[in-house]
C-alpha atoms as a PDB file:
ATOM      1  CA  MET A   1       0.000   0.000   0.000  1.00  0.00           C
ATOM      2  CA  ALA A   2       2.829   2.393   0.879  1.00  0.00           C
ATOM      3  CA  GLY A   3       4.479   1.659  -2.478  1.00  0.00           C
ATOM      4  CA  GLN A   4       1.276   2.451  -4.345  1.00  0.00           C
ATOM      5  CA  LEU A   5       0.928   5.717  -2.441  1.00  0.00           C
ATOM      6  CA  ARG A   6       4.501   6.668  -3.367  1.00  0.00           C
ATOM      7  CA  VAL A   7       3.735   5.969  -7.046  1.00  0.00           C
ATOM      8  CA  LEU A   8       0.564   8.057  -6.850  1.00  0.00           C
ATOM      9  CA  GLY A   9       2.534  10.869  -5.219  1.00  0.00           C
ATOM     10  CA  LYS A  10       5.146  10.750  -7.990  1.00  0.00           C
ATOM     11  CA  GLU A  11       2.385  10.836 -10.597  1.00  0.00           C
ATOM     12  CA  GLU A  12       0.998  14.024  -9.087  1.00  0.00           C
ATOM     13  CA  ARG A  13       4.422  15.692  -9.292  1.00  0.00           C
ATOM     14  CA  ALA A  14       5.429  14.305 -12.713  1.00  0.00           C
ATOM     15  CA  PRO A  15       6.154  16.841 -15.481  1.00  0.00           C
ATOM     16  CA  GLY A  16       4.202  16.848 -18.730  1.00  0.00           C
ATOM     17  CA  SER A  17       0.969  14.944 -18.575  1.00  0.00           C
ATOM     18  CA  GLY A  18       1.155  14.585 -14.794  1.00  0.00           C
ATOM     19  CA  THR A  19       1.033  10.803 -14.904  1.00  0.00           C
ATOM     20  CA  MET A  20       3.653   8.095 -14.939  1.00  0.00           C
ATOM     21  CA  TRP A  21       3.977   5.861 -18.011  1.00  0.00           C
ATOM     22  CA  ARG A  22       3.228   2.627 -16.195  1.00  0.00           C
ATOM     23  CA  ALA A  23       0.133   4.128 -14.590  1.00  0.00           C
ATOM     24  CA  VAL A  24      -1.564   4.854 -17.918  1.00  0.00           C
ATOM     25  CA  VAL A  25      -0.144   2.379 -20.443  1.00  0.00           C
ATOM     26  CA  PRO A  26      -1.662  -1.094 -20.204  1.00  0.00           C
ATOM     27  CA  PRO A  27       0.946  -3.831 -19.628  1.00  0.00           C
ATOM     28  CA  GLU A  28      -0.122  -5.528 -22.873  1.00  0.00           C
ATOM     29  CA  GLN A  29       0.917  -2.408 -24.763  1.00  0.00           C
ATOM     30  CA  TRP A  30       4.303  -2.308 -22.977  1.00  0.00           C
ATOM     31  CA  VAL A  31       4.846  -5.893 -24.076  1.00  0.00           C
ATOM     32  CA  GLN A  32       3.886  -5.108 -27.685  1.00  0.00           C
ATOM     33  CA  ILE A  33       6.211  -2.098 -27.870  1.00  0.00           C
ATOM     34  CA  GLY A  34       9.054  -4.023 -26.234  1.00  0.00           C
ATOM     35  CA  SER A  35       8.527  -6.964 -28.565  1.00  0.00           C
ATOM     36  CA  LEU A  36       8.660  -4.748 -31.648  1.00  0.00           C
ATOM     37  CA  ILE A  37      11.873  -3.117 -30.448  1.00  0.00           C
ATOM     38  CA  ASP A  38      13.424  -6.485 -29.535  1.00  0.00           C
ATOM     39  CA  SER A  39      12.527  -7.896 -32.969  1.00  0.00           C
ATOM     40  CA  ALA A  40      14.058  -4.898 -34.725  1.00  0.00           C
ATOM     41  CA  GLU A  41      17.191  -5.203 -32.605  1.00  0.00           C
ATOM     42  CA  GLU A  42      17.475  -8.916 -33.433  1.00  0.00           C
ATOM     43  CA  GLN A  43      17.087  -8.193 -37.146  1.00  0.00           C
ATOM     44  CA  LEU A  44      19.770  -5.516 -37.011  1.00  0.00           C
ATOM     45  CA  LEU A  45      22.170  -7.755 -35.066  1.00  0.00           C
ATOM     46  CA  GLN A  46      21.807 -10.438 -37.739  1.00  0.00           C
ATOM     47  CA  LEU A  47      23.095  -7.936 -40.287  1.00  0.00           C
ATOM     48  CA  ARG A  48      26.491  -7.974 -38.566  1.00  0.00           C
ATOM     49  CA  GLY A  49      27.108 -11.599 -39.566  1.00  0.00           C
ATOM     50  CA  ALA A  50      29.820 -12.483 -42.030  1.00  0.00           C
ATOM     51  CA  GLN A  51      28.521 -12.188 -45.576  1.00  0.00           C
ATOM     52  CA  SER A  52      30.050 -14.502 -48.157  1.00  0.00           C
ATOM     53  CA  GLU A  53      27.494 -14.336 -50.965  1.00  0.00           C
ATOM     54  CA  PRO A  54      27.863 -12.196 -54.093  1.00  0.00           C
ATOM     55  CA  THR A  55      27.577  -8.453 -53.571  1.00  0.00           C
ATOM     56  CA  ALA A  56      24.152  -8.147 -55.190  1.00  0.00           C
ATOM     57  CA  GLU A  57      22.683 -10.916 -52.998  1.00  0.00           C
ATOM     58  CA  VAL A  58      24.171  -9.467 -49.808  1.00  0.00           C
ATOM     59  CA  THR A  59      22.867  -6.025 -50.737  1.00  0.00           C
ATOM     60  CA  ARG A  60      19.390  -7.411 -51.447  1.00  0.00           C
ATOM     61  CA  GLN A  61      19.346  -9.222 -48.097  1.00  0.00           C
ATOM     62  CA  LEU A  62      20.625  -6.187 -46.199  1.00  0.00           C
ATOM     63  CA  LEU A  63      18.044  -3.897 -47.780  1.00  0.00           C
ATOM     64  CA  ARG A  64      15.215  -6.358 -47.114  1.00  0.00           C
ATOM     65  CA  ASN A  65      16.263  -6.799 -43.469  1.00  0.00           C
ATOM     66  CA  LEU A  66      16.789  -3.089 -42.938  1.00  0.00           C
ATOM     67  CA  GLY A  67      13.355  -2.384 -44.409  1.00  0.00           C
ATOM     68  CA  HIS A  68      11.785  -4.966 -42.115  1.00  0.00           C
ATOM     69  CA  SER A  69      13.595  -3.509 -39.085  1.00  0.00           C
ATOM     70  CA  ALA A  70      12.504  -0.008 -40.049  1.00  0.00           C
ATOM     71  CA  GLY A  71       8.897  -1.204 -40.182  1.00  0.00           C
ATOM     72  CA  LEU A  72       9.183  -2.727 -36.709  1.00  0.00           C
ATOM     73  CA  ILE A  73      10.695   0.471 -35.322  1.00  0.00           C
ATOM     74  CA  GLU A  74       7.973   2.560 -36.972  1.00  0.00           C
ATOM     75  CA  ALA A  75       5.286   0.346 -35.421  1.00  0.00           C
ATOM     76  CA  ALA A  76       6.905   0.743 -31.978  1.00  0.00           C
ATOM     77  CA  TRP A  77       7.172   4.502 -32.547  1.00  0.00           C
ATOM     78  CA  LYS A  78       3.476   4.779 -33.430  1.00  0.00           C
ATOM     79  CA  ARG A  79       2.376   2.645 -30.465  1.00  0.00           C
ATOM     80  CA  THR A  80       4.505   4.799 -28.162  1.00  0.00           C
ATOM     81  CA  ALA A  81       2.980   8.015 -29.562  1.00  0.00           C
ATOM     82  CA  VAL A  82      -0.538   6.584 -29.130  1.00  0.00           C
ATOM     83  CA  ALA A  83       0.274   5.528 -25.560  1.00  0.00           C
ATOM     84  CA  ALA A  84       1.563   9.029 -24.752  1.00  0.00           C
ATOM     85  CA  VAL A  85      -1.564  10.710 -26.136  1.00  0.00           C
ATOM     86  CA  ASN A  86      -3.867   8.206 -24.442  1.00  0.00           C
ATOM     87  CA  GLY A  87      -1.924   8.878 -21.249  1.00  0.00           C
ATOM     88  CA  GLY A  88      -2.812  12.545 -21.385  1.00  0.00           C
ATOM     89  CA  VAL A  89       0.102  14.127 -23.252  1.00  0.00           C
ATOM     90  CA  PRO A  90      -1.321  16.613 -25.771  1.00  0.00           C
ATOM     91  CA  LEU A  91      -0.939  15.525 -29.399  1.00  0.00           C
ATOM     92  CA  GLU A  92       0.825  18.833 -30.077  1.00  0.00           C
ATOM     93  CA  GLU A  93       3.498  18.012 -27.501  1.00  0.00           C
ATOM     94  CA  VAL A  94       4.021  14.489 -28.843  1.00  0.00           C
ATOM     95  CA  ALA A  95       4.331  15.966 -32.351  1.00  0.00           C
ATOM     96  CA  ARG A  96       6.962  18.401 -31.083  1.00  0.00           C
ATOM     97  CA  TRP A  97       8.913  15.530 -29.485  1.00  0.00           C
ATOM     98  CA  ALA A  98       8.680  13.611 -32.773  1.00  0.00           C
ATOM     99  CA  ASP A  99       9.803  16.754 -34.643  1.00  0.00           C
ATOM    100  CA  MET A 100       6.811  16.814 -36.982  1.00  0.00           C
ATOM    101  CA  PRO A 101       3.736  18.969 -37.556  1.00  0.00           C
ATOM    102  CA  THR A 102       0.730  18.014 -35.411  1.00  0.00           C
ATOM    103  CA  GLU A 103      -1.495  17.322 -38.412  1.00  0.00           C
ATOM    104  CA  VAL A 104       1.108  15.020 -39.979  1.00  0.00           C
ATOM    105  CA  LEU A 105       1.300  13.014 -36.743  1.00  0.00           C
ATOM    106  CA  ARG A 106      -2.491  12.934 -36.502  1.00  0.00           C
ATOM    107  CA  ARG A 107      -2.751  11.579 -40.071  1.00  0.00           C
ATOM    108  CA  MET A 108      -0.007   9.004 -39.471  1.00  0.00           C
ATOM    109  CA  LEU A 109      -1.711   7.690 -36.366  1.00  0.00           C
ATOM    110  CA  THR A 110      -5.178   7.630 -37.907  1.00  0.00           C
ATOM    111  CA  ALA A 111      -3.863   5.939 -41.067  1.00  0.00           C
ATOM    112  CA  GLY A 112      -2.800   3.007 -38.895  1.00  0.00           C
ATOM    113  CA  LYS A 113      -6.404   2.446 -37.771  1.00  0.00           C
ATOM    114  CA  GLN A 114      -5.903   4.701 -34.764  1.00  0.00           C
ATOM    115  CA  GLU A 115      -8.801   6.954 -33.930  1.00  0.00           C
ATOM    116  CA  ILE A 116      -8.590  10.591 -32.799  1.00  0.00           C
ATOM    117  CA  CYS A 117     -11.121  11.256 -30.046  1.00  0.00           C
ATOM    118  CA  GLY A 118     -12.338  14.818 -29.736  1.00  0.00           C
ATOM    119  CA  GLY A 119      -9.119  16.133 -31.237  1.00  0.00           C
ATOM    120  CA  THR A 120      -7.190  15.482 -28.025  1.00  0.00           C
ATOM    121  CA  GLY A 121      -6.883  11.750 -27.464  1.00  0.00           C
ATOM    122  CA  ILE A 122      -6.196   8.719 -29.559  1.00  0.00           C
ATOM    123  CA  THR A 123      -7.508   5.251 -28.960  1.00  0.00           C
ATOM    124  CA  GLY A 124      -6.968   1.957 -30.691  1.00  0.00           C
ATOM    125  CA  SER A 125      -4.205  -0.575 -30.967  1.00  0.00           C
END
């Protein structure tokens, strides 16, 4: 109980949205984001292996793997942005952190079957 009270106290004093990440992001979403990042990391580590095939084949494999890793990272990035907005961080602030215009971020998140709620929050998976 004391630990929970300390967490609640920290949430009240937290900068930004005023809440702590783990208090607003469902554990299933943490797992999904972590899994995407782990998969991308694994893909990128495999690229370090010794390559003995012809140059064109190695290049094709590297580009395919890099593209796949980029997709995984993008998915983790989008899920993290959605979690931040759902946690109470204004979309405008998340867009600033992502170094992009708010409307571009809004379109990116809604294009991935995310749904803007009232112009301030985003829900979906």
